[in-house]
Structures are given as C-alpha cells and as structure tokens.
Amino acid sequence: MNLLERLVMSRGGASMMLIRVLVGAVFLSEGIQKFLFSASLGVGRFVKIGIPHPGFTAPFVGVVEIVCGAMIVAGLLTRVAAIPLLINISVAIATTKVPMLLHQGFWPMAHEARVDFCMFLGLVFLAIEGAGRWSFDQRIGQPNQRGTPRQ
C-alpha cells in the first residue's frame, strides 16, 4: 500500500461526513472572518495576544483555515489538512486559553475553550479515522476498473 492509499483509507461510514462538516465549517468560517473583521478577529486580534508579525501571520492563518477547512468539508486529503489545523488550534489554546486559565481560573477558561477543545478533538478523530465513505478521499482510494487504486 503506497502513501497516498494510506492517507485516504478510511474505515468510517457515511456519518463521518457530519464530523467533517462540523469541524471544517468552523475553520472555514473563522478563516473568512479573519479577513472580513481584521481589526477584531485578524491582525488586530493577533496584535492584542502578542503573536509575532501579525500583518503576515493573521492572513496566513486565515488562508490555512479557509483552505484546510474546505478540504476537510470535502473530505479531500483529510488527514493532511488536519495537521496544519491541529497546529493552528494548539497555538490558539496556548496563546489564549492557557493565559486565561492562569489569570482567571478553570471555569472561565473552560467556558471560553469549549469550541477550541471540540475542534482539537474533532481534528484528532479525523486524523486517525480519515474522511469516511462520502468523501473525495474515498473516491481517490477506490480501485479502478483493473482493481488497482487510482493514482
């Protein structure tokens, strides 16, 4: 089995689409909002929380969220798309939720971090299980007429 086949292989059924849409749509939406509301959710937010080079990093993160979020919704190279988003959400938790935990305590942080933790766990799930039956990954991994996977 080659690398592409291993990346697109999934044991999951059609219901995996629900997890993909949930996780991918949140990232897709957040990426778009980084451009629509730059002062509060894009560059301005990155300045406020101390992310270096916010003029570059905020749009970069926005593009990653849009592209990888759309890939996850479509089920296209889902495991590959999950990796940058796992890094993204880990940085978001480290830069916003950990300081909140240290300064405000567990319950305020738990309230604010609920979506972040759900997205993190959803991405881990998709990275492990793959895209499921109704996905481009499934189509890529299906054998062609001769019984060999599509290249």
N, C-alpha and C. Protein backbone atom coordinates (compact mmCIF):
# COMPACT_ATOMS: atom_id res chain seq x y z
N MET A 1 0.86 -1.18 0.00
CA MET A 1 0.00 0.00 0.00
C MET A 1 0.90 1.24 0.00
N ASN A 2 0.68 2.14 -0.97
CA ASN A 2 1.52 3.33 -1.04
C ASN A 2 1.03 4.42 -0.07
N LEU A 3 1.80 5.49 0.03
CA LEU A 3 1.50 6.56 0.98
C LEU A 3 0.13 7.19 0.71
N LEU A 4 -0.19 7.48 -0.53
CA LEU A 4 -1.49 8.09 -0.85
C LEU A 4 -2.64 7.19 -0.42
N GLU A 5 -2.51 5.89 -0.68
CA GLU A 5 -3.56 4.96 -0.27
C GLU A 5 -3.74 4.96 1.25
N ARG A 6 -2.64 5.01 1.97
CA ARG A 6 -2.73 5.04 3.43
C ARG A 6 -3.35 6.34 3.93
N LEU A 7 -3.06 7.45 3.25
CA LEU A 7 -3.62 8.74 3.66
C LEU A 7 -5.12 8.82 3.45
N VAL A 8 -5.61 8.21 2.37
CA VAL A 8 -7.03 8.35 2.05
C VAL A 8 -7.89 7.20 2.55
N MET A 9 -7.27 6.13 3.02
CA MET A 9 -8.01 4.98 3.52
C MET A 9 -8.81 5.37 4.77
N SER A 10 -10.04 4.89 4.85
CA SER A 10 -10.89 5.19 5.99
C SER A 10 -11.79 4.01 6.28
N ARG A 11 -11.93 3.73 7.57
CA ARG A 11 -12.86 2.69 7.99
C ARG A 11 -14.25 3.26 8.24
N GLY A 12 -14.36 4.55 8.29
CA GLY A 12 -15.60 5.19 8.68
C GLY A 12 -16.68 5.14 7.63
N GLY A 13 -17.91 5.22 8.08
CA GLY A 13 -19.06 5.22 7.20
C GLY A 13 -19.42 6.62 6.74
N ALA A 14 -20.58 6.71 6.15
CA ALA A 14 -21.06 7.98 5.61
C ALA A 14 -21.27 9.03 6.71
N SER A 15 -21.54 8.59 7.93
CA SER A 15 -21.79 9.54 9.01
C SER A 15 -20.55 10.36 9.37
N MET A 16 -19.37 9.93 8.91
CA MET A 16 -18.16 10.72 9.14
C MET A 16 -18.29 12.10 8.52
N MET A 17 -19.15 12.20 7.49
CA MET A 17 -19.37 13.48 6.84
C MET A 17 -19.85 14.53 7.85
N LEU A 18 -20.65 14.11 8.83
CA LEU A 18 -21.15 15.05 9.84
C LEU A 18 -20.01 15.66 10.64
N ILE A 19 -19.04 14.85 11.03
CA ILE A 19 -17.88 15.35 11.78
C ILE A 19 -17.05 16.27 10.88
N ARG A 20 -16.86 15.85 9.63
CA ARG A 20 -16.09 16.68 8.71
C ARG A 20 -16.73 18.05 8.52
N VAL A 21 -18.05 18.07 8.31
CA VAL A 21 -18.74 19.34 8.10
C VAL A 21 -18.66 20.20 9.36
N LEU A 22 -18.87 19.60 10.50
CA LEU A 22 -18.78 20.33 11.77
C LEU A 22 -17.41 20.99 11.93
N VAL A 23 -16.36 20.21 11.83
CA VAL A 23 -15.00 20.72 12.06
C VAL A 23 -14.58 21.65 10.93
N GLY A 24 -14.75 21.20 9.69
CA GLY A 24 -14.30 22.00 8.56
C GLY A 24 -15.01 23.33 8.43
N ALA A 25 -16.32 23.35 8.67
CA ALA A 25 -17.09 24.60 8.54
C ALA A 25 -16.68 25.62 9.58
N VAL A 26 -16.35 25.18 10.78
CA VAL A 26 -15.91 26.12 11.82
C VAL A 26 -14.60 26.78 11.38
N PHE A 27 -13.64 25.98 10.92
CA PHE A 27 -12.37 26.57 10.48
C PHE A 27 -12.54 27.43 9.24
N LEU A 28 -13.33 26.99 8.30
CA LEU A 28 -13.60 27.77 7.09
C LEU A 28 -14.20 29.13 7.46
N SER A 29 -15.19 29.12 8.33
CA SER A 29 -15.83 30.36 8.77
C SER A 29 -14.86 31.27 9.50
N GLU A 30 -14.07 30.71 10.40
CA GLU A 30 -13.11 31.52 11.17
C GLU A 30 -12.06 32.13 10.25
N GLY A 31 -11.63 31.37 9.24
CA GLY A 31 -10.65 31.91 8.29
C GLY A 31 -11.21 33.07 7.51
N ILE A 32 -12.42 32.95 7.04
CA ILE A 32 -13.07 34.05 6.30
C ILE A 32 -13.23 35.27 7.20
N GLN A 33 -13.62 35.06 8.44
CA GLN A 33 -13.82 36.18 9.36
C GLN A 33 -12.52 36.92 9.68
N LYS A 34 -11.38 36.23 9.60
CA LYS A 34 -10.10 36.91 9.82
C LYS A 34 -9.88 38.01 8.79
N PHE A 35 -10.46 37.84 7.60
CA PHE A 35 -10.35 38.86 6.56
C PHE A 35 -11.50 39.87 6.62
N LEU A 36 -12.71 39.41 6.93
CA LEU A 36 -13.86 40.31 6.99
C LEU A 36 -13.78 41.26 8.18
N PHE A 37 -13.28 40.78 9.30
CA PHE A 37 -13.22 41.56 10.53
C PHE A 37 -11.78 41.59 11.05
N SER A 38 -10.90 42.13 10.22
CA SER A 38 -9.46 42.09 10.50
C SER A 38 -9.10 42.75 11.83
N ALA A 39 -9.74 43.86 12.16
CA ALA A 39 -9.38 44.58 13.39
C ALA A 39 -9.70 43.78 14.65
N SER A 40 -10.79 43.03 14.63
CA SER A 40 -11.17 42.31 15.85
C SER A 40 -10.82 40.82 15.82
N LEU A 41 -10.74 40.20 14.64
CA LEU A 41 -10.50 38.76 14.57
C LEU A 41 -9.25 38.39 13.78
N GLY A 42 -8.68 39.34 13.06
CA GLY A 42 -7.50 39.07 12.25
C GLY A 42 -6.27 39.72 12.84
N VAL A 43 -5.70 40.64 12.09
CA VAL A 43 -4.46 41.30 12.50
C VAL A 43 -4.60 41.94 13.87
N GLY A 44 -5.71 42.64 14.11
CA GLY A 44 -5.91 43.30 15.41
C GLY A 44 -5.90 42.32 16.57
N ARG A 45 -6.51 41.20 16.40
CA ARG A 45 -6.52 40.15 17.45
C ARG A 45 -5.12 39.60 17.67
N PHE A 46 -4.39 39.37 16.59
CA PHE A 46 -3.04 38.84 16.72
C PHE A 46 -2.12 39.83 17.43
N VAL A 47 -2.31 41.12 17.16
CA VAL A 47 -1.55 42.15 17.88
C VAL A 47 -1.88 42.09 19.36
N LYS A 48 -3.16 42.02 19.69
CA LYS A 48 -3.63 42.01 21.08
C LYS A 48 -3.06 40.84 21.88
N ILE A 49 -2.98 39.66 21.27
CA ILE A 49 -2.50 38.50 22.02
C ILE A 49 -0.99 38.28 21.88
N GLY A 50 -0.33 39.15 21.13
CA GLY A 50 1.13 39.10 21.07
C GLY A 50 1.73 38.12 20.07
N ILE A 51 0.99 37.77 19.04
CA ILE A 51 1.53 36.89 18.00
C ILE A 51 2.52 37.71 17.16
N PRO A 52 3.74 37.20 16.95
CA PRO A 52 4.73 37.95 16.16
C PRO A 52 4.28 38.18 14.72
N HIS A 53 4.69 39.30 14.16
CA HIS A 53 4.43 39.66 12.77
C HIS A 53 2.96 39.49 12.38
N PRO A 54 2.06 40.15 13.10
CA PRO A 54 0.63 39.94 12.86
C PRO A 54 0.16 40.28 11.46
N GLY A 55 0.83 41.21 10.80
CA GLY A 55 0.44 41.56 9.43
C GLY A 55 0.64 40.41 8.45
N PHE A 56 1.56 39.51 8.78
CA PHE A 56 1.77 38.32 7.96
C PHE A 56 1.04 37.11 8.54
N THR A 57 1.16 36.90 9.85
CA THR A 57 0.65 35.66 10.44
C THR A 57 -0.87 35.57 10.43
N ALA A 58 -1.57 36.68 10.65
CA ALA A 58 -3.04 36.62 10.66
C ALA A 58 -3.60 36.22 9.28
N PRO A 59 -3.18 36.89 8.19
CA PRO A 59 -3.67 36.45 6.88
C PRO A 59 -3.21 35.02 6.54
N PHE A 60 -1.99 34.66 6.92
CA PHE A 60 -1.50 33.31 6.67
C PHE A 60 -2.39 32.27 7.36
N VAL A 61 -2.68 32.51 8.64
CA VAL A 61 -3.55 31.59 9.38
C VAL A 61 -4.95 31.58 8.77
N GLY A 62 -5.44 32.74 8.35
CA GLY A 62 -6.75 32.79 7.70
C GLY A 62 -6.81 31.94 6.44
N VAL A 63 -5.77 32.01 5.62
CA VAL A 63 -5.73 31.21 4.40
C VAL A 63 -5.66 29.72 4.74
N VAL A 64 -4.83 29.36 5.72
CA VAL A 64 -4.73 27.95 6.14
C VAL A 64 -6.10 27.45 6.60
N GLU A 65 -6.79 28.25 7.41
CA GLU A 65 -8.11 27.84 7.90
C GLU A 65 -9.12 27.69 6.76
N ILE A 66 -9.08 28.58 5.80
CA ILE A 66 -10.01 28.50 4.66
C ILE A 66 -9.71 27.27 3.81
N VAL A 67 -8.47 27.12 3.41
CA VAL A 67 -8.10 26.02 2.51
C VAL A 67 -8.28 24.67 3.20
N CYS A 68 -7.70 24.52 4.39
CA CYS A 68 -7.78 23.23 5.08
C CYS A 68 -9.20 22.94 5.57
N GLY A 69 -9.93 23.97 5.98
CA GLY A 69 -11.33 23.78 6.38
C GLY A 69 -12.17 23.28 5.21
N ALA A 70 -11.96 23.88 4.03
CA ALA A 70 -12.70 23.44 2.84
C ALA A 70 -12.31 22.01 2.45
N MET A 71 -11.02 21.68 2.57
CA MET A 71 -10.57 20.32 2.26
C MET A 71 -11.23 19.31 3.19
N ILE A 72 -11.35 19.66 4.46
CA ILE A 72 -11.98 18.75 5.41
C ILE A 72 -13.47 18.59 5.11
N VAL A 73 -14.16 19.68 4.83
CA VAL A 73 -15.58 19.58 4.47
C VAL A 73 -15.75 18.64 3.28
N ALA A 74 -14.89 18.79 2.28
CA ALA A 74 -14.99 17.97 1.07
C ALA A 74 -14.47 16.55 1.28
N GLY A 75 -13.69 16.36 2.32
CA GLY A 75 -13.08 15.05 2.51
C GLY A 75 -11.95 14.82 1.53
N LEU A 76 -11.19 15.85 1.24
CA LEU A 76 -10.08 15.78 0.29
C LEU A 76 -8.76 15.85 1.06
N LEU A 77 -8.02 14.76 1.06
CA LEU A 77 -6.77 14.66 1.82
C LEU A 77 -7.01 15.12 3.27
N THR A 78 -8.02 14.56 3.85
CA THR A 78 -8.48 14.97 5.18
C THR A 78 -7.39 14.88 6.23
N ARG A 79 -6.65 13.78 6.25
CA ARG A 79 -5.59 13.63 7.25
C ARG A 79 -4.50 14.69 7.07
N VAL A 80 -4.16 15.00 5.84
CA VAL A 80 -3.15 16.02 5.56
C VAL A 80 -3.66 17.39 6.01
N ALA A 81 -4.91 17.71 5.70
CA ALA A 81 -5.50 19.00 6.08
C ALA A 81 -5.63 19.15 7.59
N ALA A 82 -5.79 18.04 8.30
CA ALA A 82 -5.94 18.11 9.75
C ALA A 82 -4.66 18.56 10.44
N ILE A 83 -3.51 18.27 9.87
CA ILE A 83 -2.24 18.57 10.54
C ILE A 83 -2.03 20.07 10.76
N PRO A 84 -2.10 20.92 9.71
CA PRO A 84 -1.91 22.36 9.99
C PRO A 84 -2.99 22.93 10.90
N LEU A 85 -4.21 22.38 10.82
CA LEU A 85 -5.27 22.87 11.70
C LEU A 85 -5.04 22.44 13.15
N LEU A 86 -4.45 21.27 13.36
CA LEU A 86 -4.08 20.86 14.73
C LEU A 86 -3.02 21.80 15.30
N ILE A 87 -2.06 22.19 14.47
CA ILE A 87 -1.05 23.15 14.92
C ILE A 87 -1.72 24.48 15.23
N ASN A 88 -2.59 24.92 14.34
CA ASN A 88 -3.33 26.17 14.50
C ASN A 88 -4.10 26.21 15.82
N ILE A 89 -4.90 25.18 16.08
CA ILE A 89 -5.74 25.19 17.28
C ILE A 89 -4.89 25.03 18.53
N SER A 90 -3.77 24.32 18.43
CA SER A 90 -2.87 24.18 19.58
C SER A 90 -2.25 25.53 19.95
N VAL A 91 -1.86 26.29 18.94
CA VAL A 91 -1.32 27.64 19.19
C VAL A 91 -2.41 28.54 19.78
N ALA A 92 -3.63 28.43 19.26
CA ALA A 92 -4.74 29.23 19.79
C ALA A 92 -4.99 28.91 21.26
N ILE A 93 -4.97 27.65 21.62
CA ILE A 93 -5.18 27.26 23.02
C ILE A 93 -4.03 27.77 23.88
N ALA A 94 -2.79 27.60 23.39
CA ALA A 94 -1.62 28.01 24.17
C ALA A 94 -1.56 29.53 24.37
N THR A 95 -1.97 30.30 23.36
CA THR A 95 -1.83 31.76 23.45
C THR A 95 -3.04 32.46 24.06
N THR A 96 -4.19 31.80 24.08
CA THR A 96 -5.38 32.48 24.62
C THR A 96 -5.98 31.76 25.83
N LYS A 97 -6.05 30.45 25.79
CA LYS A 97 -6.75 29.73 26.86
C LYS A 97 -5.85 29.43 28.05
N VAL A 98 -4.59 29.12 27.82
CA VAL A 98 -3.67 28.88 28.94
C VAL A 98 -3.49 30.15 29.77
N PRO A 99 -3.24 31.33 29.16
CA PRO A 99 -3.17 32.54 29.98
C PRO A 99 -4.47 32.82 30.75
N MET A 100 -5.59 32.52 30.13
CA MET A 100 -6.87 32.70 30.81
C MET A 100 -6.97 31.78 32.03
N LEU A 101 -6.54 30.55 31.85
CA LEU A 101 -6.53 29.60 32.96
C LEU A 101 -5.66 30.11 34.11
N LEU A 102 -4.51 30.63 33.79
CA LEU A 102 -3.57 31.10 34.81
C LEU A 102 -4.06 32.36 35.52
N HIS A 103 -4.78 33.23 34.81
CA HIS A 103 -5.20 34.51 35.40
C HIS A 103 -6.62 34.52 35.93
N GLN A 104 -7.51 33.75 35.29
CA GLN A 104 -8.92 33.81 35.67
C GLN A 104 -9.43 32.52 36.29
N GLY A 105 -8.70 31.44 36.13
CA GLY A 105 -9.12 30.17 36.71
C GLY A 105 -9.74 29.22 35.71
N PHE A 106 -10.07 28.04 36.21
CA PHE A 106 -10.53 26.94 35.35
C PHE A 106 -11.86 27.23 34.67
N TRP A 107 -12.89 27.64 35.42
CA TRP A 107 -14.23 27.74 34.84
C TRP A 107 -14.36 28.79 33.76
N PRO A 108 -13.80 30.00 33.93
CA PRO A 108 -13.85 30.95 32.81
C PRO A 108 -13.11 30.42 31.57
N MET A 109 -11.96 29.76 31.80
CA MET A 109 -11.22 29.18 30.67
C MET A 109 -12.03 28.07 30.02
N ALA A 110 -12.63 27.19 30.83
CA ALA A 110 -13.41 26.07 30.28
C ALA A 110 -14.55 26.58 29.41
N HIS A 111 -15.19 27.67 29.85
CA HIS A 111 -16.28 28.24 29.07
C HIS A 111 -15.77 28.75 27.72
N GLU A 112 -14.70 29.51 27.74
CA GLU A 112 -14.17 30.10 26.52
C GLU A 112 -13.50 29.07 25.60
N ALA A 113 -13.02 27.97 26.15
CA ALA A 113 -12.24 26.99 25.38
C ALA A 113 -13.08 25.85 24.82
N ARG A 114 -14.37 25.83 25.07
CA ARG A 114 -15.18 24.67 24.67
C ARG A 114 -15.11 24.39 23.18
N VAL A 115 -15.19 25.40 22.36
CA VAL A 115 -15.11 25.18 20.91
C VAL A 115 -13.70 24.75 20.52
N ASP A 116 -12.69 25.37 21.10
CA ASP A 116 -11.30 25.01 20.78
C ASP A 116 -11.04 23.54 21.09
N PHE A 117 -11.47 23.08 22.24
CA PHE A 117 -11.24 21.68 22.61
C PHE A 117 -12.05 20.73 21.70
N CYS A 118 -13.25 21.12 21.34
CA CYS A 118 -14.05 20.29 20.42
C CYS A 118 -13.38 20.22 19.05
N MET A 119 -12.87 21.34 18.57
CA MET A 119 -12.19 21.34 17.27
C MET A 119 -10.92 20.51 17.33
N PHE A 120 -10.16 20.63 18.42
CA PHE A 120 -8.95 19.84 18.58
C PHE A 120 -9.26 18.34 18.54
N LEU A 121 -10.24 17.92 19.34
CA LEU A 121 -10.59 16.50 19.38
C LEU A 121 -11.21 16.03 18.07
N GLY A 122 -12.00 16.87 17.41
CA GLY A 122 -12.54 16.51 16.10
C GLY A 122 -11.44 16.30 15.07
N LEU A 123 -10.42 17.16 15.10
CA LEU A 123 -9.30 17.01 14.18
C LEU A 123 -8.50 15.75 14.48
N VAL A 124 -8.28 15.46 15.76
CA VAL A 124 -7.58 14.23 16.12
C VAL A 124 -8.36 13.02 15.60
N PHE A 125 -9.67 13.04 15.79
CA PHE A 125 -10.52 11.95 15.32
C PHE A 125 -10.39 11.77 13.80
N LEU A 126 -10.47 12.86 13.05
CA LEU A 126 -10.38 12.79 11.59
C LEU A 126 -8.98 12.35 11.14
N ALA A 127 -7.95 12.79 11.85
CA ALA A 127 -6.59 12.37 11.51
C ALA A 127 -6.41 10.86 11.71
N ILE A 128 -7.07 10.32 12.71
CA ILE A 128 -6.98 8.88 12.97
C ILE A 128 -7.88 8.08 12.03
N GLU A 129 -9.12 8.49 11.89
CA GLU A 129 -10.12 7.70 11.17
C GLU A 129 -10.22 7.99 9.68
N GLY A 130 -9.81 9.16 9.25
CA GLY A 130 -9.96 9.52 7.84
C GLY A 130 -11.31 10.14 7.56
N ALA A 131 -11.59 10.32 6.27
CA ALA A 131 -12.75 11.11 5.84
C ALA A 131 -14.07 10.35 5.82
N GLY A 132 -14.03 9.04 5.72
CA GLY A 132 -15.26 8.28 5.64
C GLY A 132 -15.72 8.05 4.22
N ARG A 133 -16.86 7.41 4.12
CA ARG A 133 -17.36 6.92 2.83
C ARG A 133 -17.70 8.04 1.84
N TRP A 134 -18.41 9.06 2.26
CA TRP A 134 -18.82 10.13 1.35
C TRP A 134 -17.76 11.22 1.31
N SER A 135 -16.70 10.98 0.58
CA SER A 135 -15.59 11.93 0.54
C SER A 135 -14.80 11.76 -0.75
N PHE A 136 -14.03 12.77 -1.09
CA PHE A 136 -13.10 12.65 -2.21
C PHE A 136 -12.01 11.63 -1.88
N ASP A 137 -11.61 11.54 -0.63
CA ASP A 137 -10.62 10.55 -0.23
C ASP A 137 -11.08 9.14 -0.60
N GLN A 138 -12.33 8.85 -0.34
CA GLN A 138 -12.87 7.53 -0.67
C GLN A 138 -12.80 7.30 -2.18
N ARG A 139 -13.13 8.31 -2.93
CA ARG A 139 -13.10 8.21 -4.40
C ARG A 139 -11.67 7.98 -4.88
N ILE A 140 -10.71 8.68 -4.32
CA ILE A 140 -9.31 8.53 -4.70
C ILE A 140 -8.83 7.11 -4.39
N GLY A 141 -9.25 6.59 -3.26
CA GLY A 141 -8.78 5.28 -2.82
C GLY A 141 -9.50 4.10 -3.43
N GLN A 142 -10.60 4.34 -4.14
CA GLN A 142 -11.35 3.23 -4.76
C GLN A 142 -10.54 2.60 -5.88
N PRO A 143 -10.62 1.29 -6.01
CA PRO A 143 -9.94 0.64 -7.13
C PRO A 143 -10.58 1.07 -8.46
N ASN A 144 -9.74 1.16 -9.49
CA ASN A 144 -10.28 1.46 -10.82
C ASN A 144 -10.79 0.17 -11.46
N GLN A 145 -11.08 0.19 -12.73
CA GLN A 145 -11.65 -0.96 -13.42
C GLN A 145 -10.75 -2.19 -13.34
N ARG A 146 -9.42 -2.00 -13.26
CA ARG A 146 -8.50 -3.12 -13.24
C ARG A 146 -8.24 -3.64 -11.83
N GLY A 147 -8.86 -3.03 -10.82
CA GLY A 147 -8.70 -3.50 -9.45
C GLY A 147 -7.55 -2.86 -8.69
N THR A 148 -6.88 -1.89 -9.30
CA THR A 148 -5.81 -1.20 -8.59
C THR A 148 -6.29 0.19 -8.21
N PRO A 149 -5.81 0.72 -7.07
CA PRO A 149 -6.26 2.05 -6.65
C PRO A 149 -5.89 3.11 -7.68
N ARG A 150 -6.72 4.14 -7.76
CA ARG A 150 -6.46 5.25 -8.69
C ARG A 150 -5.18 5.95 -8.27
N GLN A 151 -4.45 6.42 -9.24
CA GLN A 151 -3.19 7.12 -8.97
C GLN A 151 -3.38 8.60 -9.10
